[in-house]
Amino acid sequence: MTKLALITGASRGLGSALAEQLAPDYHIIAVARTTGGLEDLDDRIQAAGGSATLAPMDITDPNAMATLCRGIHDRWGKLDLWLHSAIHAAALSPVPSIAAKDWNKSFTINATSTSVLIPYVAPLLGTEGKAVFFDDPRAGEKFFGTYGATKAAQMALARSWQAETARIGPKVRIVEPRPMSTALRGRFFPGEDRDQLASIKDEAARLLPEILAD
């Protein structure tokens, strides 16, 4: 039976690179708001002999996520792997200057959507599937108030779920990528020497054994 991997945040960055590297062994269900990015990913997956189902959806829309997960259940009945790489990076700002719209958008995407997705996806993973989250610890760093706090909230949810399922499954993994030459990092460190950063493709290859380990 074909193994299935759901990737939320699949249109670019690490999510896209992991989708490509998983595609030889998994049918990829790729979720992102950017239709063009998903279509480009699909072209690369097909060129490599893999297959994907594209889901151009907004993970902050609970009805859309419920429809997605119901569709997965009705078509396949289960998931083997869920990679949650979707993230919002608000502009860096001193805490007293954080804009309400930046805080609200960041919390909705980074924390609230995770709290909605976990109960939708968990039944599809059952006891044998794997859920993977990507840590980027910035909480407490200067100017990272919005990103650091909302990312920390996401990881708190993931770690609680990890502790709760340690004996009963599904397996919940938390991995920490090395600094990569992503658009997200470019927003935070625009003057950084990107030649010193890991390539996204190489980092995906490094993380994949840890993601898939039993």
Foldseek 3Di string as FASTA:
>chain_A
DAAAEEEAPCLDFLNVLLCQVCFVRHAYEYEEQDPVSVVVSQVSSVVVVGHYHYDNDDLLDLVSLLVVLVVCCVPPNAHAEYEYDDADADAFDAPVPDDPVLLVVRLSGQAVSLVSNCVSRFVRNFAAHEYEYEADQDPPPGRCPRVNVSNVNNVVVLVVVCVVNVPRDDHYYYYYFWFAPGVSVCSVCVPDDRVPHDYSNVRSVVCVCVRPPD
